Protein backbone atom coordinates (compact mmCIF):
# COMPACT_ATOMS: atom_id res chain seq x y z
CA MET A 1 118.54 151.11 -54.41
CA LYS A 2 122.04 149.71 -54.82
CA LYS A 3 123.18 151.69 -51.77
CA SER A 4 120.32 150.23 -49.68
CA LEU A 5 121.27 146.71 -50.73
CA LEU A 6 124.88 147.34 -49.75
CA LEU A 7 123.80 148.63 -46.31
CA LEU A 8 121.53 145.63 -45.81
CA GLY A 9 124.37 143.29 -46.76
CA ALA A 10 126.70 144.99 -44.30
CA MET A 11 124.15 144.63 -41.51
CA LEU A 12 123.74 140.91 -42.28
CA VAL A 13 127.51 140.45 -42.16
CA VAL A 14 127.67 142.15 -38.73
CA LEU A 15 124.83 140.04 -37.40
CA SER A 16 126.37 136.84 -38.73
CA CYS A 17 129.65 137.72 -37.01
CA LYS A 18 128.00 137.96 -33.61
CA LYS A 19 128.69 134.57 -32.06
CA GLU A 20 127.26 132.75 -29.11
CA ALA A 21 129.41 132.94 -26.00
CA THR A 22 131.84 130.04 -25.81
CA LYS A 23 132.59 128.15 -22.63
CA GLU A 24 135.83 130.11 -22.41
CA ASP A 25 133.85 133.37 -22.64
CA ILE A 26 131.47 132.27 -19.88
CA VAL A 27 134.34 131.22 -17.62
CA SER A 28 135.98 134.58 -18.30
CA TYR A 29 132.84 136.47 -17.24
CA GLY A 30 132.49 134.34 -14.13
CA SER A 31 136.11 135.04 -13.23
CA THR A 32 135.27 138.73 -12.76
CA ILE A 33 133.73 137.57 -9.45
CA THR A 34 136.76 137.80 -7.18
CA GLN A 35 137.62 137.40 -3.52
CA LYS A 36 139.21 140.84 -3.56
CA GLU A 37 136.08 142.69 -4.72
CA LEU A 38 133.74 140.62 -2.54
CA LYS A 39 135.88 141.52 0.47
CA GLU A 40 136.02 145.20 -0.45
CA HIS A 41 132.24 145.35 -0.71
CA LEU A 42 131.59 143.41 2.47
CA TYR A 43 133.96 145.38 4.68
CA ILE A 44 131.90 148.43 3.75
CA TYR A 45 128.44 146.85 3.73
CA ALA A 46 128.91 145.04 7.07
CA SER A 47 130.71 147.92 8.77
CA ASP A 48 129.54 149.82 11.86
CA GLU A 49 128.63 152.73 9.56
CA PHE A 50 125.58 150.77 8.41
CA GLU A 51 124.41 150.23 12.02
CA GLY A 52 123.28 146.65 11.52
CA ARG A 53 120.88 147.55 8.65
CA ASP A 54 117.73 147.18 10.79
CA THR A 55 114.60 147.31 8.62
CA GLY A 56 113.52 150.90 8.04
CA ALA A 57 116.28 152.33 10.26
CA PRO A 58 118.91 154.90 9.16
CA GLY A 59 121.51 152.16 8.67
CA GLN A 60 119.24 150.34 6.24
CA LYS A 61 118.76 153.57 4.30
CA LYS A 62 122.56 153.84 4.00
CA ALA A 63 122.64 150.28 2.74
CA ILE A 64 120.17 150.88 -0.08
CA GLU A 65 122.01 154.03 -1.14
CA TYR A 66 125.20 151.98 -1.33
CA LEU A 67 123.52 149.40 -3.55
CA LYS A 68 122.06 152.10 -5.78
CA LYS A 69 125.47 153.74 -6.16
CA GLU A 70 127.08 150.44 -7.12
CA TYR A 71 124.48 149.65 -9.79
CA GLU A 72 124.82 153.15 -11.20
CA ALA A 73 128.61 152.73 -11.33
CA LEU A 74 128.21 149.42 -13.17
CA GLY A 75 125.80 151.00 -15.65
CA ILE A 76 123.02 148.57 -14.79
CA ASN A 77 119.55 150.07 -15.07
CA SER A 78 116.93 150.21 -12.35
CA LEU A 79 113.90 147.95 -12.72
CA ILE A 80 111.62 150.75 -11.52
CA GLU A 81 111.63 153.66 -13.92
CA GLY A 82 113.74 156.47 -12.51
CA ASN A 83 114.38 154.74 -9.18
CA TYR A 84 116.08 151.58 -7.93
CA PHE A 85 113.85 151.52 -4.83
CA GLN A 86 110.53 149.72 -4.42
CA ASN A 87 108.78 151.30 -1.45
CA VAL A 88 107.55 148.72 1.09
CA PRO A 89 104.90 150.34 3.37
CA LEU A 90 105.44 148.48 6.62
CA ASN A 91 103.82 149.15 10.00
CA ILE A 92 105.24 148.72 13.49
CA VAL A 93 102.66 146.64 15.34
CA LYS A 94 102.47 147.90 18.91
CA THR A 95 100.93 146.05 21.85
CA PRO A 96 97.18 146.24 21.16
CA GLU A 97 94.51 147.37 23.59
CA VAL A 98 92.71 144.13 24.46
CA ALA A 99 90.17 143.14 27.12
CA ILE A 100 89.11 139.47 27.42
CA SER A 101 86.81 137.81 29.92
CA VAL A 102 85.88 134.12 30.10
CA ASN A 103 82.69 133.27 32.00
CA GLY A 104 82.92 136.68 33.64
CA LYS A 105 86.56 136.35 34.72
CA SER A 106 89.10 138.77 33.24
CA PHE A 107 92.45 137.63 31.88
CA ASN A 108 95.58 139.71 31.41
CA TYR A 109 97.86 140.46 28.48
CA PHE A 110 101.39 138.98 28.91
CA ASP A 111 100.28 136.88 31.92
CA ASP A 112 97.60 134.85 30.14
CA TYR A 113 97.68 135.62 26.42
CA ILE A 114 99.65 137.28 23.64
CA SER A 115 98.07 138.56 20.45
CA LEU A 116 99.57 137.41 17.14
CA THR A 117 96.99 139.33 15.12
CA SER A 118 98.54 141.71 12.61
CA VAL A 119 95.98 144.50 12.32
CA ALA A 120 92.37 144.39 13.47
CA THR A 121 89.89 146.39 15.53
CA GLY A 122 86.55 145.15 16.81
CA SER A 123 84.83 142.97 19.37
CA VAL A 124 83.69 139.36 19.78
CA SER A 125 80.90 138.05 21.99
CA ALA A 126 80.20 134.31 22.17
CA ALA A 127 77.92 132.15 24.31
CA ASP A 128 79.80 129.02 23.27
CA ILE A 129 83.10 128.14 21.63
CA VAL A 130 84.40 125.25 19.51
CA TYR A 131 87.21 123.04 20.76
CA ALA A 132 89.04 121.68 17.71
CA GLY A 133 91.55 119.42 19.46
CA PHE A 134 94.99 119.76 17.83
CA GLY A 135 93.57 122.17 15.25
CA ILE A 136 94.98 120.20 12.33
CA ASP A 137 93.47 120.13 8.85
CA ASP A 138 95.45 117.67 6.75
CA GLU A 139 94.67 114.81 4.36
CA LYS A 140 96.03 112.31 6.91
CA HIS A 141 94.22 113.84 9.87
CA SER A 142 91.67 116.64 10.18
CA ASP A 143 90.18 117.92 13.41
CA TYR A 144 87.84 120.05 11.30
CA LYS A 145 86.14 117.11 9.61
CA ASN A 146 82.38 117.42 10.22
CA LEU A 147 83.06 120.44 12.45
CA ASP A 148 81.34 123.75 11.66
CA VAL A 149 83.46 126.66 12.92
CA LYS A 150 82.25 129.42 10.60
CA GLY A 151 81.96 132.65 12.55
CA LYS A 152 82.98 130.81 15.74
CA VAL A 153 85.67 131.20 18.39
CA VAL A 154 88.00 128.18 18.13
CA VAL A 155 90.35 126.79 20.79
CA VAL A 156 93.15 124.32 19.95
CA ARG A 157 96.04 122.79 21.83
CA ALA A 158 99.69 122.06 21.06
CA GLY A 159 100.89 118.81 19.51
CA GLU A 160 99.72 116.33 16.91
CA PRO A 161 98.25 112.81 17.01
CA GLN A 162 100.46 109.78 17.56
CA ASP A 163 99.96 106.07 16.92
CA LYS A 164 100.34 103.31 19.53
CA ASP A 165 104.11 103.17 18.87
CA GLY A 166 104.57 106.86 19.59
CA ASN A 167 105.07 107.83 15.94
CA ASN A 168 103.44 110.97 14.64
CA VAL A 169 100.52 110.07 12.40
CA LEU A 170 101.34 112.79 9.88
CA THR A 171 105.03 111.98 9.41
CA GLY A 172 105.01 108.26 10.15
CA ASP A 173 107.95 108.63 12.51
CA LYS A 174 108.94 110.60 15.59
CA LYS A 175 109.87 113.75 13.67
CA ALA A 176 107.59 116.70 14.27
CA SER A 177 105.52 117.99 11.35
CA LYS A 178 104.69 121.64 10.82
CA TRP A 179 101.68 121.12 13.09
CA SER A 180 103.81 120.77 16.20
CA ASN A 181 107.11 122.37 15.25
CA GLY A 182 107.15 125.59 17.30
CA ARG A 183 106.59 128.71 15.23
CA GLN A 184 105.51 126.67 12.23
CA ALA A 185 102.64 125.27 14.29
CA ILE A 186 101.45 128.77 15.14
CA SER A 187 100.96 129.72 11.49
CA ALA A 188 99.74 126.27 10.38
CA LYS A 189 96.99 126.12 13.00
CA ARG A 190 96.00 129.75 12.40
CA ASN A 191 95.72 129.13 8.66
CA ALA A 192 93.59 126.03 9.22
CA ALA A 193 91.19 127.90 11.50
CA LYS A 194 90.98 130.80 9.07
CA LYS A 195 90.41 128.52 6.07
CA ASN A 196 87.49 126.92 7.89
CA GLY A 197 85.92 130.29 8.66
CA ALA A 198 86.74 130.86 12.34
CA THR A 199 86.48 134.37 13.76
CA ALA A 200 89.12 133.90 16.44
CA LEU A 201 91.69 131.28 17.40
CA PHE A 202 93.11 130.65 20.87
CA PHE A 203 96.13 128.32 20.67
CA MET A 204 97.23 126.76 23.96
CA ASP A 205 100.93 125.92 24.07
CA ASP A 206 102.16 126.69 27.57
CA ASN A 207 105.88 126.36 26.82
CA LEU A 208 105.71 128.48 23.68
CA PHE A 209 103.50 131.01 25.46
CA LYS A 210 106.05 131.46 28.25
CA ARG A 211 108.80 132.13 25.71
CA TYR A 212 106.69 134.63 23.79
CA SER A 213 105.52 136.30 26.98
CA ARG A 214 109.09 136.82 28.21
CA PHE A 215 110.15 138.17 24.82
CA TYR A 216 107.26 140.63 24.53
CA LYS A 217 107.61 141.76 28.13
CA ARG A 218 111.28 142.58 27.51
CA SER A 219 110.29 144.33 24.30
CA GLU A 220 107.72 146.42 26.16
CA ALA A 221 110.30 147.33 28.82
CA ASN A 222 112.73 148.45 26.08
CA GLY A 223 110.34 150.86 24.43
CA GLY A 224 107.66 148.62 22.98
CA SER A 225 107.17 146.13 20.18
CA LYS A 226 109.29 146.33 17.04
CA ARG A 227 107.23 143.71 15.24
CA LEU A 228 106.56 144.74 11.66
CA SER A 229 103.69 143.86 9.37
CA LEU A 230 102.55 144.58 5.85
CA PRO A 231 99.33 146.54 5.38
CA THR A 232 96.12 144.57 5.12
CA LYS A 233 95.24 144.21 1.45
CA LYS A 234 91.94 145.82 0.52
CA ASP A 235 90.77 142.66 -1.17
CA ALA A 236 92.04 140.34 1.58
CA GLU A 237 89.76 138.15 3.63
CA ALA A 238 88.83 139.42 7.07
CA GLN A 239 91.55 139.08 9.68
CA ILE A 240 91.26 136.29 12.20
CA TYR A 241 91.91 137.23 15.82
CA HIS A 242 94.83 135.04 16.81
CA PHE A 243 96.22 134.42 20.31
CA ILE A 244 98.72 132.13 21.95
CA ILE A 245 97.59 131.39 25.51
CA SER A 246 98.72 129.85 28.78
CA GLU A 247 97.50 126.54 30.14
CA LYS A 248 95.59 128.46 32.81
CA MET A 249 93.55 130.33 30.21
CA GLY A 250 93.20 127.19 28.10
CA LYS A 251 91.56 125.36 31.00
CA ALA A 252 89.23 128.30 31.57
CA LEU A 253 88.07 128.07 27.96
CA VAL A 254 87.92 124.25 27.76
CA GLY A 255 87.94 122.48 31.10
CA ASN A 256 89.45 119.18 29.89
CA ILE A 257 91.83 120.64 27.29
CA THR A 258 94.92 118.97 28.77
CA LYS A 259 93.23 115.55 28.98
CA SER A 260 91.29 115.24 25.73
CA THR A 261 91.62 116.11 22.06
CA LYS A 262 88.03 115.18 21.22
CA THR A 263 86.38 118.02 19.33
CA ALA A 264 83.29 119.57 20.87
CA THR A 265 81.18 122.69 21.23
CA VAL A 266 81.65 124.03 24.76
CA ALA A 267 79.27 126.30 26.69
CA THR A 268 81.86 128.95 27.51
CA LYS A 269 80.96 132.63 27.47
CA LEU A 270 83.64 134.88 25.99
CA GLU A 271 83.72 138.67 25.66
CA MET A 272 86.54 140.44 23.87
CA SER A 273 87.31 143.95 22.65
CA TYR A 274 90.35 144.58 20.47
CA LYS A 275 92.04 147.70 19.13
CA SER A 276 95.26 147.40 17.15
CA ILE A 277 97.95 150.06 17.43
CA LYS A 278 100.19 150.57 14.40
CA VAL A 279 102.83 153.10 13.37
CA PRO A 280 103.96 153.53 9.73
CA HIS A 281 107.56 152.38 9.18
CA ALA A 282 108.61 152.63 5.54
CA SER A 283 111.34 150.49 4.02
CA GLU A 284 112.59 149.62 0.54
CA ASN A 285 113.55 146.79 -1.78
CA VAL A 286 116.27 147.48 -4.36
CA ALA A 287 115.86 146.18 -7.92
CA ALA A 288 118.13 146.42 -10.99
CA ILE A 289 117.84 144.69 -14.36
CA ILE A 290 119.77 143.65 -17.45
CA LYS A 291 117.17 143.26 -20.19
CA GLY A 292 117.12 140.11 -22.27
CA SER A 293 118.16 140.31 -25.90
CA GLU A 294 115.75 137.67 -27.25
CA LYS A 295 113.20 136.96 -24.51
CA PRO A 296 113.08 140.24 -22.56
CA ASP A 297 109.68 139.42 -21.05
CA GLU A 298 110.94 136.28 -19.31
CA TYR A 299 112.85 136.85 -16.08
CA ILE A 300 115.43 135.20 -13.84
CA ILE A 301 115.44 136.78 -10.38
CA ILE A 302 118.56 136.58 -8.20
CA SER A 303 117.71 137.66 -4.66
CA ALA A 304 119.25 138.28 -1.23
CA HIS A 305 118.01 140.21 1.77
CA LEU A 306 119.64 143.55 2.46
CA ASP A 307 118.59 143.92 6.11
CA HIS A 308 119.90 142.58 9.41
CA VAL A 309 118.87 143.03 13.06
CA GLY A 310 120.40 146.42 13.90
CA VAL A 311 121.70 147.50 17.32
CA ASN A 312 120.76 145.98 20.67
CA ALA A 313 119.91 147.76 23.95
CA LYS A 314 123.59 147.64 24.98
CA GLY A 315 124.60 149.51 21.85
CA GLU A 316 126.21 146.47 20.20
CA ILE A 317 126.06 146.61 16.41
CA PHE A 318 125.02 143.41 14.64
CA ASN A 319 126.89 143.76 11.34
CA GLY A 320 125.41 140.66 9.66
CA ALA A 321 128.43 139.93 7.50
CA ASP A 322 127.30 136.41 6.66
CA ASP A 323 123.58 137.06 7.26
CA ASP A 324 123.14 138.39 4.66
CA GLY A 325 125.98 140.68 3.72
CA SER A 326 127.52 137.68 1.95
CA GLY A 327 124.47 137.19 -0.27
CA THR A 328 124.18 140.90 -0.94
CA VAL A 329 127.75 141.39 -2.16
CA ALA A 330 127.53 138.13 -4.12
CA ILE A 331 124.68 139.64 -6.13
CA LEU A 332 126.70 142.79 -6.83
CA GLU A 333 129.54 140.68 -8.22
CA ILE A 334 127.16 138.46 -10.21
CA ALA A 335 125.58 141.58 -11.69
CA GLU A 336 129.03 142.84 -12.67
CA ALA A 337 129.73 139.53 -14.43
CA PHE A 338 126.50 139.73 -16.45
CA LYS A 339 127.28 143.34 -17.35
CA ALA A 340 130.78 142.38 -18.51
CA ALA A 341 129.17 139.79 -20.79
CA ALA A 342 126.61 142.27 -22.10
CA ASP A 343 129.35 144.79 -22.86
CA LYS A 344 131.04 142.13 -25.00
CA GLY A 345 127.85 141.48 -26.96
CA HIS A 346 126.82 138.46 -24.88
CA GLY A 347 123.89 139.91 -22.97
CA PRO A 348 121.47 137.34 -21.54
CA LYS A 349 118.63 136.14 -23.78
CA ARG A 350 116.19 136.41 -20.87
CA SER A 351 116.12 139.38 -18.55
CA VAL A 352 118.03 139.05 -15.27
CA ILE A 353 116.78 140.93 -12.20
CA PHE A 354 119.00 141.63 -9.21
CA LEU A 355 116.62 141.94 -6.26
CA HIS A 356 117.67 142.98 -2.75
CA VAL A 357 114.73 142.63 -0.35
CA THR A 358 114.09 144.23 3.00
CA GLY A 359 112.43 142.85 6.12
CA GLU A 360 113.61 139.25 5.82
CA GLU A 361 114.57 139.28 9.48
CA LYS A 362 111.06 140.50 10.34
CA GLY A 363 109.22 137.70 8.56
CA LEU A 364 110.20 137.70 4.84
CA LEU A 365 108.23 140.93 4.46
CA GLY A 366 110.09 142.54 1.54
CA SER A 367 109.85 139.46 -0.66
CA GLN A 368 106.23 138.95 0.39
CA TYR A 369 105.46 142.51 -0.65
CA TYR A 370 107.13 141.86 -4.00
CA THR A 371 105.23 138.64 -4.73
CA ASP A 372 101.86 139.26 -3.04
CA TYR A 373 101.36 143.02 -3.33
CA GLU A 374 103.41 144.63 -6.11
CA PRO A 375 105.34 142.31 -8.45
CA LEU A 376 107.57 144.49 -10.61
CA VAL A 377 107.31 141.95 -13.43
CA PRO A 378 104.56 139.35 -13.96
CA LEU A 379 105.00 136.30 -11.73
CA THR A 380 103.80 134.11 -14.61
CA ASN A 381 106.79 135.30 -16.66
CA THR A 382 109.27 134.70 -13.83
CA VAL A 383 111.22 131.58 -14.80
CA ALA A 384 113.14 131.00 -11.57
CA ASN A 385 114.39 132.58 -8.36
CA LEU A 386 117.93 131.95 -7.11
CA ASN A 387 118.08 133.13 -3.49
CA ILE A 388 121.37 133.66 -1.65
CA ASP A 389 121.21 133.85 2.16
CA MET A 390 124.41 133.17 4.15
CA VAL A 391 127.12 131.84 1.82
CA GLY A 392 130.36 133.05 3.39
CA ARG A 393 130.98 130.65 6.26
CA ILE A 394 131.28 126.96 7.15
CA ASP A 395 128.75 125.03 9.22
CA PRO A 396 130.77 123.71 12.21
CA LYS A 397 128.35 120.78 12.60
CA ARG A 398 128.90 119.58 9.05
CA LYS A 399 131.32 116.74 8.33
CA GLY A 400 133.19 116.71 5.04
CA GLU A 401 135.17 118.99 2.74
CA ARG A 402 134.94 122.75 3.26
CA ASN A 403 134.15 123.34 -0.43
CA TYR A 404 130.39 122.74 -0.19
CA ILE A 405 127.06 124.56 -0.21
CA TYR A 406 123.66 123.50 1.06
CA LEU A 407 121.07 123.54 -1.73
CA ILE A 408 117.41 123.72 -0.81
CA GLY A 409 114.35 123.66 -3.03
CA ALA A 410 115.84 122.95 -6.47
CA ASP A 411 113.71 119.84 -7.00
CA LYS A 412 110.57 120.96 -5.16
CA LEU A 413 108.80 122.37 -8.23
CA SER A 414 111.00 121.55 -11.21
CA THR A 415 112.95 118.37 -11.89
CA GLU A 416 114.66 120.23 -14.70
CA LEU A 417 115.97 122.99 -12.42
CA HIS A 418 117.66 120.40 -10.22
CA GLU A 419 119.25 118.78 -13.28
CA VAL A 420 120.46 122.15 -14.62
CA SER A 421 121.95 123.02 -11.23
CA GLU A 422 123.82 119.72 -11.00
CA GLN A 423 125.16 119.93 -14.56
CA VAL A 424 126.32 123.54 -14.24
CA ASN A 425 128.18 122.75 -11.03
CA LYS A 426 129.98 119.79 -12.63
CA GLU A 427 130.98 121.89 -15.62
CA PHE A 428 132.10 125.09 -13.90
CA THR A 429 132.58 125.05 -10.11
CA ASN A 430 132.80 121.51 -8.72
CA ILE A 431 131.34 122.34 -5.31
CA GLU A 432 129.87 119.58 -3.14
CA LEU A 433 126.11 120.18 -3.29
CA ASP A 434 124.76 119.10 0.09
CA TYR A 435 121.00 118.38 0.22
CA THR A 436 120.78 117.71 3.97
CA PHE A 437 118.28 120.50 4.57
CA ASN A 438 116.27 119.75 1.44
CA GLU A 439 114.55 116.80 3.09
CA GLU A 440 110.77 117.22 3.32
CA ASN A 441 110.78 116.49 7.05
CA ASP A 442 113.83 118.61 7.89
CA PRO A 443 113.05 119.86 11.43
CA ASN A 444 114.79 123.19 10.69
CA ARG A 445 112.32 123.85 7.84
CA PHE A 446 114.81 126.16 6.11
CA TYR A 447 112.80 125.86 2.89
CA TYR A 448 110.17 128.08 4.51
CA ARG A 449 112.56 130.49 6.23
CA SER A 450 114.12 132.67 3.55
CA ASP A 451 112.86 134.86 0.74
CA HIS A 452 112.75 132.19 -1.97
CA TYR A 453 109.67 130.73 -0.27
CA ASN A 454 107.47 133.65 -1.33
CA PHE A 455 108.36 132.80 -4.94
CA ALA A 456 107.98 129.05 -4.44
CA LYS A 457 104.49 129.40 -3.01
CA ASN A 458 103.60 131.06 -6.33
CA ASN A 459 104.91 128.01 -8.25
CA ILE A 460 108.11 129.73 -9.33
CA PRO A 461 111.03 127.24 -9.19
CA VAL A 462 113.69 128.23 -6.65
CA ILE A 463 117.13 127.37 -5.38
CA PHE A 464 118.17 128.51 -1.92
CA TYR A 465 121.97 128.71 -1.45
CA PHE A 466 122.96 128.45 2.22
CA ASN A 467 126.09 127.61 4.23
CA GLY A 468 124.21 126.67 7.43
CA THR A 469 124.23 128.38 10.80
CA HIS A 470 127.20 128.90 13.13
CA ASP A 471 127.96 130.35 16.57
CA ASP A 472 127.98 133.91 15.19
CA TYR A 473 124.50 133.60 13.66
CA HIS A 474 122.44 136.61 14.82
CA GLN A 475 125.25 137.71 17.11
CA ALA A 476 127.32 140.89 17.15
CA SER A 477 130.27 138.65 16.27
CA ASP A 478 129.03 138.03 12.68
CA THR A 479 131.76 140.24 11.21
CA PRO A 480 133.50 140.37 7.80
CA ASP A 481 136.87 139.16 9.12
CA LYS A 482 135.32 135.70 9.67
CA ILE A 483 134.17 135.21 6.07
CA ASN A 484 135.87 132.55 3.93
CA TYR A 485 136.32 134.67 0.83
CA ASP A 486 137.59 131.83 -1.36
CA LEU A 487 134.38 129.91 -0.66
CA LEU A 488 132.26 133.04 -1.17
CA GLU A 489 133.91 133.53 -4.55
CA ASN A 490 133.28 129.98 -5.75
CA ARG A 491 129.71 129.88 -4.42
CA SER A 492 128.94 133.23 -6.11
CA ARG A 493 130.32 131.86 -9.38
CA LEU A 494 128.04 128.82 -9.02
CA VAL A 495 125.00 131.11 -8.79
CA PHE A 496 126.24 133.14 -11.77
CA HIS A 497 126.74 130.08 -13.97
CA THR A 498 123.35 128.66 -12.97
CA ALA A 499 121.64 131.96 -13.72
CA TRP A 500 123.54 132.17 -17.02
CA GLU A 501 122.25 128.78 -18.12
CA LEU A 502 118.68 129.58 -17.08
CA ALA A 503 118.80 132.92 -18.88
CA ASN A 504 120.32 131.62 -22.11
CA ARG A 505 118.88 128.14 -22.72
CA GLU A 506 116.37 127.80 -25.55
CA ASN A 507 113.32 126.86 -23.48
CA ARG A 508 112.38 128.02 -20.00
CA ILE A 509 112.60 125.28 -17.40
CA GLU A 510 109.47 123.22 -16.92
CA VAL A 511 107.42 123.33 -13.71
CA ASP A 512 106.37 119.70 -13.31
CA LYS A 513 105.54 119.65 -9.59
CA ALA A 514 103.29 122.68 -9.18
CA THR A 515 101.52 122.98 -5.85
CA LYS A 516 97.78 123.49 -5.62
């Protein structure tokens, strides 16, 4: 009995000696993130050996093996038992077999319409169609108000309503909203039609159609479409047939489409048959974890995309050093810093996940698979996502000091996350936090264009770290010799210190601006 009491006393002494990490400790762990190691990683990861890391291609497979090897060397465990890789079952969506006639007249793929449908096979026959004007469904303006489109073929046109002063009704100024902002309009108008029960949507935007037509024609000439999609979920709603069409076809469907936005049912006969063509094209996310010591079932996810755009028809390799080799190697160094802390007895209280996602360049597919198909940890227990996408360069259009970073999204869902981010930066890194692209009406809409968005749409607070675009963006000239490694070091340390605070504070940050 006496021996047991002595052992218990010794254990209590050991536990009492374990101290919280001091500021000096935290700075010391952050200082393990160095220019030298970032550069060493990036000159390998963004080398020709990795062949531009195109999603599902041999170069991308080399990339994930490199990441796996580095986590094994650091002694950081995989999140998936026995494997660092989360399989992402993508499909290459080939040009479908489609036949469409309007009032008995046939129209042609590429010349008159392009399908944006992911995967579907079937036919549609309609004696009349519904013209839904701009195809907008918003609190400030809805073309679907008092309009029944369930099971119907819907036709909409480009643009959005304006007031007598030429301001857009939805934004209150001349800035375009998502309803008329290029690619954003395509998805916004499709989603509105689908939400209201339409069977098919034909979207007339002649300028956008010409661009898409040229792109897909070139793609077909170079061996066919490389567009990727996720599999249709078994419990998903039925697919909506979705086309972007020329003005010529728009006028055939709705005679006065260029002159009026008044909604109406139109006596137009449409016949369509559709057969999708898909080819399996597997890819992988990479996930590692340091388990929390006190709150292991709460998670901070640090993410970056591991893919780039591969090799072009001329054989030029697109190394993607900034996009997103910089974010990828930043995560490796941040992981090393957390491991150094854990080895000193200062492991994070919450679990920290290091997530490298595939298919970002193909439509945020790897992160979408993680959030919408197979979350590796419960989304409800995910406290925040810190996403790093292009942090090694300087935006040539920006005026001001070079020691900056664009921050996007920190205040969208959580006031507290924004406050934590600001305080951590003041205490540890002193970088200028530029919120230019965080504006709600930012025409670039960067908030929706990287992997953090798939977390944000699930009401998980996010911060997107971004240096802005430059002349080498998506060019073969995005090479590691052009990276500003001193900036990459400091920006990586900012993410580390922010993640540290989120992982170790007493209470998880509050979500006070949840979306519906």
